[in-house]
Protein backbone atom coordinates (compact mmCIF):
# COMPACT_ATOMS: atom_id res chain seq x y z
CA UNK A 1 72.37 153.88 11.30
CA UNK A 2 74.71 150.91 10.92
CA UNK A 3 78.31 151.88 10.24
CA UNK A 4 79.34 150.90 6.69
CA UNK A 5 81.78 148.03 6.41
CA UNK A 6 83.88 149.51 3.61
CA UNK A 7 85.48 152.87 2.98
CA UNK A 8 83.57 155.09 0.55
CA UNK A 9 86.84 156.17 -1.12
CA UNK A 10 88.96 153.01 -1.50
CA UNK A 11 86.47 150.21 -0.60
CA UNK A 12 88.78 148.72 2.04
CA UNK A 13 87.00 147.00 4.94
CA UNK A 14 89.33 148.80 7.33
CA UNK A 15 87.21 151.42 9.10
CA UNK A 16 88.60 151.85 12.62
CA UNK A 17 88.19 154.23 15.58
CA UNK A 18 90.11 157.48 15.18
CA UNK A 19 91.16 160.49 17.24
CA UNK A 20 92.64 162.43 14.30
CA UNK A 21 91.72 166.05 13.81
CA UNK A 22 91.67 168.37 10.82
CA UNK A 23 92.10 172.12 10.78
CA UNK A 24 90.02 173.75 8.03
CA UNK A 25 90.48 177.11 6.33
CA UNK A 26 88.80 179.78 8.43
CA UNK A 27 89.94 178.25 11.70
CA UNK A 28 87.46 175.44 12.30
CA UNK A 29 88.89 172.31 13.93
CA UNK A 30 87.14 168.93 13.79
CA UNK A 31 87.96 165.61 15.44
CA UNK A 32 86.78 162.56 13.49
CA UNK A 33 85.86 159.37 15.37
CA UNK A 34 86.27 157.01 12.39
CA UNK A 35 89.05 156.62 9.83
CA UNK A 36 90.06 154.26 7.04
CA UNK A 37 93.16 152.26 7.91
CA UNK A 38 94.02 151.97 4.23
CA UNK A 39 93.61 155.33 2.42
CA UNK A 40 93.30 157.47 5.56
CA UNK A 41 90.00 159.28 4.90
CA UNK A 42 88.21 160.45 8.05
CA UNK A 43 84.48 159.90 8.46
CA UNK A 44 81.67 160.87 10.80
CA UNK A 45 80.01 157.68 12.12
CA UNK A 46 76.53 158.67 10.88
CA UNK A 47 77.67 159.98 7.49
CA UNK A 48 76.03 158.53 4.38
CA UNK A 49 78.77 156.97 2.18
CA UNK A 50 77.03 157.72 -1.12
CA UNK A 51 76.45 161.34 -0.16
CA UNK A 52 80.09 161.65 0.95
CA UNK A 53 81.36 160.30 -2.36
CA UNK A 54 79.08 162.57 -4.40
CA UNK A 55 80.36 165.57 -2.48
CA UNK A 56 84.00 164.51 -2.82
CA UNK A 57 83.67 163.67 -6.52
CA UNK A 58 82.17 167.08 -7.20
CA UNK A 59 85.05 168.81 -5.45
CA UNK A 60 87.57 166.64 -7.32
CA UNK A 61 86.12 167.76 -10.66
CA UNK A 62 87.02 171.39 -10.01
CA UNK A 63 90.33 173.09 -10.93
CA UNK A 64 91.05 173.65 -7.22
CA UNK A 65 90.07 171.36 -4.37
CA UNK A 66 88.42 173.25 -1.52
CA UNK A 67 87.53 171.21 1.60
CA UNK A 68 84.02 171.20 2.99
CA UNK A 69 84.18 172.06 6.70
CA UNK A 70 80.67 170.69 7.28
CA UNK A 71 80.92 167.53 5.14
CA UNK A 72 80.56 164.08 6.68
CA UNK A 73 84.21 163.33 5.90
CA UNK A 74 87.61 164.98 5.85
CA UNK A 75 91.05 164.26 4.43
CA UNK A 76 94.59 165.52 4.38
CA UNK A 77 96.60 166.09 1.20
CA UNK A 78 98.17 162.62 1.32
CA UNK A 79 94.73 160.98 1.22
CA UNK A 80 93.43 163.48 -1.33
CA UNK A 81 96.18 162.37 -3.74
CA UNK A 82 94.84 158.80 -3.68
CA UNK A 83 91.20 159.89 -3.85
CA UNK A 84 91.89 162.07 -6.89
CA UNK A 85 93.40 159.15 -8.83
CA UNK A 86 90.04 157.36 -8.64
CA UNK A 87 88.81 159.95 -11.15
CA UNK A 88 92.06 159.99 -13.12
CA UNK A 89 93.26 163.23 -11.55
CA UNK A 90 96.44 164.40 -9.85
CA UNK A 91 97.16 167.04 -7.22
CA UNK A 92 99.64 169.89 -6.78
CA UNK A 93 100.08 171.60 -3.39
CA UNK A 94 98.96 175.23 -3.35
CA UNK A 95 101.90 176.52 -1.29
CA UNK A 96 104.83 175.62 0.98
CA UNK A 97 102.64 174.69 3.96
CA UNK A 98 100.63 172.28 1.81
CA UNK A 99 103.84 170.78 0.40
CA UNK A 100 105.03 170.11 3.96
CA UNK A 101 101.66 168.54 4.81
CA UNK A 102 101.87 166.24 1.79
CA UNK A 103 105.31 165.00 2.82
CA UNK A 104 104.28 164.48 6.46
CA UNK A 105 101.06 162.42 6.51
CA UNK A 106 98.71 162.30 8.18
CA UNK A 107 98.75 166.05 8.66
CA UNK A 108 96.15 167.95 10.67
CA UNK A 109 95.92 170.42 7.77
CA UNK A 110 92.74 169.86 5.75
CA UNK A 111 93.54 169.19 2.10
CA UNK A 112 93.67 172.04 -0.41
CA UNK A 113 95.31 171.73 -3.82
CA UNK A 114 95.13 172.38 -7.51
CA UNK A 115 93.89 169.45 -9.61
CA UNK A 116 94.76 168.24 -13.10
CA UNK A 117 93.95 165.36 -15.44
CA UNK A 118 96.54 162.57 -15.40
CA UNK A 119 95.75 161.73 -19.01
CA UNK A 120 97.33 164.94 -20.25
CA UNK A 121 100.00 165.32 -17.58
CA UNK A 122 103.78 164.99 -17.43
CA UNK A 123 104.95 161.38 -17.74
CA UNK A 124 107.87 159.16 -16.72
CA UNK A 125 108.92 156.02 -18.62
CA UNK A 126 107.69 152.80 -16.98
CA UNK A 127 109.00 149.31 -17.70
CA UNK A 128 106.71 146.29 -17.49
CA UNK A 129 108.12 143.26 -15.67
CA UNK A 130 106.52 139.82 -15.63
CA UNK A 131 107.32 136.70 -13.61
CA UNK A 132 106.21 133.35 -14.96
CA UNK A 133 107.02 129.67 -15.44
CA UNK A 134 108.35 128.39 -18.77
CA UNK A 135 104.96 126.81 -19.57
CA UNK A 136 103.31 130.25 -19.22
CA UNK A 137 105.81 132.10 -21.44
CA UNK A 138 103.84 131.94 -24.69
CA UNK A 139 100.60 133.12 -23.09
CA UNK A 140 102.42 136.03 -21.43
CA UNK A 141 104.00 137.05 -24.74
CA UNK A 142 100.65 136.79 -26.55
CA UNK A 143 99.06 139.26 -24.10
CA UNK A 144 101.79 141.90 -24.46
CA UNK A 145 100.68 143.82 -27.58
CA UNK A 146 97.78 145.38 -25.64
CA UNK A 147 100.30 147.12 -23.36
CA UNK A 148 102.48 148.60 -26.09
CA UNK A 149 100.66 151.95 -25.92
CA UNK A 150 102.11 152.82 -22.51
CA UNK A 151 105.45 150.98 -22.23
CA UNK A 152 108.36 150.43 -24.58
CA UNK A 153 110.39 148.17 -22.29
CA UNK A 154 109.33 144.69 -21.15
CA UNK A 155 111.32 142.18 -19.13
CA UNK A 156 110.08 138.63 -18.53
CA UNK A 157 111.76 136.48 -15.89
CA UNK A 158 111.20 132.74 -16.07
CA UNK A 159 111.44 130.43 -13.06
CA UNK A 160 114.06 128.23 -14.74
CA UNK A 161 117.82 127.59 -14.75
CA UNK A 162 119.73 130.87 -15.08
CA UNK A 163 119.91 132.38 -18.55
CA UNK A 164 120.74 135.96 -19.64
CA UNK A 165 118.11 138.24 -21.11
CA UNK A 166 117.49 137.67 -24.81
CA UNK A 167 115.31 139.76 -27.09
CA UNK A 168 112.13 138.33 -28.59
CA UNK A 169 109.90 139.88 -31.24
CA UNK A 170 106.43 140.98 -30.17
CA UNK A 171 103.94 142.88 -32.30
CA UNK A 172 103.72 146.56 -31.40
CA UNK A 173 107.16 146.73 -29.80
CA UNK A 174 110.43 147.89 -31.33
CA UNK A 175 113.18 145.28 -31.86
CA UNK A 176 114.90 144.53 -28.56
CA UNK A 177 112.14 146.09 -26.43
CA UNK A 178 110.94 142.72 -25.07
CA UNK A 179 113.48 140.49 -23.36
CA UNK A 180 113.24 137.10 -21.67
CA UNK A 181 115.64 135.99 -18.93
CA UNK A 182 115.61 133.08 -16.49
CA UNK A 183 116.42 132.50 -12.82
CA UNK A 184 115.30 129.81 -10.40
CA UNK A 185 112.76 131.08 -7.87
CA UNK A 186 114.08 128.73 -5.17
CA UNK A 187 111.29 129.64 -2.75
CA UNK A 188 112.30 133.29 -2.42
CA UNK A 189 109.76 135.62 -4.04
CA UNK A 190 111.51 138.85 -3.01
CA UNK A 191 114.78 137.73 -4.58
CA UNK A 192 112.95 136.91 -7.82
CA UNK A 193 111.24 140.30 -7.90
CA UNK A 194 114.54 142.04 -7.18
CA UNK A 195 116.18 140.23 -10.09
CA UNK A 196 113.32 141.44 -12.29
CA UNK A 197 113.66 145.00 -10.98
CA UNK A 198 117.31 144.92 -12.02
CA UNK A 199 116.25 144.28 -15.63
CA UNK A 200 114.30 147.55 -15.89
CA UNK A 201 115.59 150.04 -18.45
CA UNK A 202 113.19 152.75 -17.28
CA UNK A 203 113.28 154.65 -13.97
CA UNK A 204 110.05 152.88 -12.89
CA UNK A 205 108.79 149.31 -13.25
CA UNK A 206 105.35 147.74 -12.89
CA UNK A 207 105.52 144.04 -11.98
CA UNK A 208 102.86 141.44 -12.72
CA UNK A 209 102.66 137.67 -12.31
CA UNK A 210 101.49 135.31 -15.05
CA UNK A 211 98.07 134.89 -13.39
CA UNK A 212 97.56 138.66 -13.18
CA UNK A 213 96.28 141.06 -15.83
CA UNK A 214 96.10 144.82 -16.21
CA UNK A 215 93.57 146.65 -18.36
CA UNK A 216 95.51 148.73 -20.92
CA UNK A 217 93.43 151.77 -19.89
CA UNK A 218 94.81 151.38 -16.36
CA UNK A 219 98.32 151.00 -17.74
CA UNK A 220 97.94 154.15 -19.82
CA UNK A 221 97.99 156.34 -16.68
CA UNK A 222 100.97 154.65 -15.02
CA UNK A 223 103.59 156.99 -16.58
CA UNK A 224 101.67 160.01 -15.25
CA UNK A 225 101.31 158.31 -11.87
CA UNK A 226 105.08 157.84 -11.79
CA UNK A 227 105.53 161.58 -12.37
CA UNK A 228 102.96 162.34 -9.64
CA UNK A 229 104.87 160.02 -7.30
CA UNK A 230 108.22 161.66 -8.00
CA UNK A 231 106.74 165.09 -7.30
CA UNK A 232 105.78 163.86 -3.82
CA UNK A 233 109.02 162.01 -2.99
CA UNK A 234 107.25 158.65 -3.44
CA UNK A 235 109.10 155.51 -4.53
CA UNK A 236 106.28 152.91 -4.43
CA UNK A 237 102.67 153.04 -5.67
CA UNK A 238 100.07 150.44 -4.73
CA UNK A 239 97.24 149.27 -6.97
CA UNK A 240 94.09 147.45 -5.81
CA UNK A 241 93.95 143.80 -6.81
CA UNK A 242 90.73 141.96 -7.63
CA UNK A 243 91.12 138.31 -6.64
CA UNK A 244 88.71 136.08 -8.52
CA UNK A 245 88.60 132.55 -7.15
CA UNK A 246 87.03 130.15 -9.63
CA UNK A 247 85.65 133.27 -11.33
CA UNK A 248 84.02 134.75 -8.20
CA UNK A 249 85.27 138.06 -6.77
CA UNK A 250 86.83 137.40 -3.38
CA UNK A 251 86.14 139.34 -0.20
CA UNK A 252 89.88 140.10 -0.05
CA UNK A 253 89.61 143.45 -1.79
CA UNK A 254 91.21 145.89 -2.49
CA UNK A 255 94.23 143.67 -1.58
CA UNK A 256 96.63 146.51 -2.46
CA UNK A 257 99.79 145.37 -4.24
CA UNK A 258 102.77 147.73 -4.31
CA UNK A 259 103.93 146.88 -7.81
CA UNK A 260 104.74 150.26 -9.40
CA UNK A 261 108.17 151.06 -8.00
CA UNK A 262 111.26 153.07 -8.69
CA UNK A 263 113.65 150.72 -10.46
CA UNK A 264 116.11 150.91 -7.57
CA UNK A 265 113.50 149.78 -5.01
CA UNK A 266 114.06 146.30 -3.60
CA UNK A 267 111.54 143.84 -2.15
CA UNK A 268 111.83 142.04 1.19
CA UNK A 269 110.24 138.79 2.42
CA UNK A 270 110.52 135.26 1.04
CA UNK A 271 106.71 135.14 0.77
CA UNK A 272 104.10 137.94 0.73
CA UNK A 273 106.97 140.16 -0.33
CA UNK A 274 106.71 143.95 -0.19
CA UNK A 275 108.99 146.79 -1.28
CA UNK A 276 111.49 147.78 1.37
CA UNK A 277 111.00 151.51 2.01
CA UNK A 278 113.73 153.20 4.09
CA UNK A 279 111.32 156.00 5.00
CA UNK A 280 108.40 153.66 5.74
CA UNK A 281 104.86 153.85 4.35
CA UNK A 282 105.12 157.62 3.84
CA UNK A 283 107.18 156.86 0.72
CA UNK A 284 104.19 155.11 -0.86
CA UNK A 285 100.58 155.80 -1.75
CA UNK A 286 97.59 153.97 -3.25
CA UNK A 287 96.31 154.71 -6.76
CA UNK A 288 92.62 154.00 -7.37
CA UNK A 289 92.14 154.54 -11.13
CA UNK A 290 92.14 150.81 -11.90
CA UNK A 291 93.08 147.41 -10.55
CA UNK A 292 95.18 144.32 -11.13
CA UNK A 293 93.00 141.30 -11.95
CA UNK A 294 94.15 138.06 -10.33
CA UNK A 295 92.73 134.70 -11.42
CA UNK A 296 92.94 131.87 -8.87
CA UNK A 297 91.48 128.43 -8.41
CA UNK A 298 90.03 127.32 -5.12
CA UNK A 299 92.46 124.39 -5.04
CA UNK A 300 95.41 126.74 -5.46
CA UNK A 301 94.18 129.00 -2.65
CA UNK A 302 93.80 126.06 -0.28
CA UNK A 303 97.31 124.80 -0.98
CA UNK A 304 99.12 128.14 -1.25
CA UNK A 305 99.00 129.26 2.38
CA UNK A 306 100.38 125.92 3.58
CA UNK A 307 103.18 126.09 1.02
CA UNK A 308 104.05 129.67 1.95
CA UNK A 309 104.05 128.77 5.64
CA UNK A 310 106.53 126.00 4.94
CA UNK A 311 108.78 128.41 3.01
CA UNK A 312 108.68 131.12 5.70
CA UNK A 313 107.22 129.89 9.04
CA UNK A 314 104.94 132.44 10.68
CA UNK A 315 104.38 134.44 7.48
CA UNK A 316 102.23 132.10 5.41
CA UNK A 317 99.00 133.90 6.38
CA UNK A 318 97.02 130.72 6.89
CA UNK A 319 94.02 132.89 7.93
CA UNK A 320 93.99 134.58 4.52
CA UNK A 321 92.93 131.33 2.85
CA UNK A 322 89.40 131.47 4.29
CA UNK A 323 89.04 135.16 3.46
CA UNK A 324 90.05 134.55 -0.16
CA UNK A 325 87.45 131.81 -0.44
CA UNK A 326 84.64 134.11 0.79
CA UNK A 327 82.69 135.96 -1.93
CA UNK A 328 82.92 139.75 -1.92
CA UNK A 329 80.63 141.53 0.52
CA UNK A 330 80.05 145.29 0.47
C-alpha cells in the first residue's frame, strides 16, 4: 500500500519518519514509524486514512475521549486538541498528569480527555484587525458587517502616511467599534502587524489582509478558541489558509497562518512574519474548524517572492513560488 501524501487529520503533506512512542491505558506501549510534522498525529505506515478518520471522529463525538490501543494511529493531548477543533469541539484534561502532558508536547502519554462543544463554551473577546492599502479601504469596510456577530472591535491599518485611529460607522457595529488608522509599511511586515496588534481593545486579535477572507461561521468559534487557548497556556493559534491562484486551489495547503494571538504578542521578520513566542512552538496550536481564504493572481505570485527576497535576502522563499502555482494534489 502506498503511503498517503497528506495527513488524515490536518491535510498537511508533512508525513515524516518517526520514533515517537505512546503509552496507552492498561500499560500497552507502541512505537509509531510515521508522524505528521504539522499536527503531530502518529500513524502506522499501512493504516487506511479514511478508516483512521472515521475511528477518530467517532471517539471525538463522545463526552470523553478514550484512545484506541489497536487503532492505526495515535495522538497525545496536544494533537488531540487540534483534532477536536475540526469537529468544533474542545478538550479538558482529565487529571493532573494529563494537564502536564498537554503543557509538555509531544508527550508519550496517549490522549485522554473530556470533550465539549465550542459553540456553547466559555468565550474571550476577540478583536478583528485588517491591513490594507487606501484603495482597498472601502471594500474592506463593506465586508465587515458579516463579522459583527463574533467581534465588537475592529481596527483597520492603512499602508499610508501616519494618521491616528478614527472611528467610522459600519452597519451592525456600535458607534466607535470600527476604527481606521494609517502607518507606512516601509517593507517591514512584522512592524505593520505589531502596530495593528497595539490597536486591539480585546485580549485577543485575529489579523487578516485585504486579499484574505474568513467565513463568519469560522469567526463565530474564535472567542471560544481563545478561551481554549488560555486554558492551555497558549498565546498563538494557527488557522489553515486556502490559497487560490487565479481561482484554483494551490498545492500550498494548509499553509497555516498564526493570526489569532494574544494582543500582547509581537511578530518578527520583515517578510513571512510570524509571532515571536518566548516559549517556542509549544505556546501555539493549530485550529482546524475553518480556514482563511486567500485570493492571489499568478502574476502576483511570480513577482512576490522576488520582492520579498529583495526586502529580506535569504528569506524570500523563492521556492514557494512554484509550489503556489501548482494545483492542489491530495
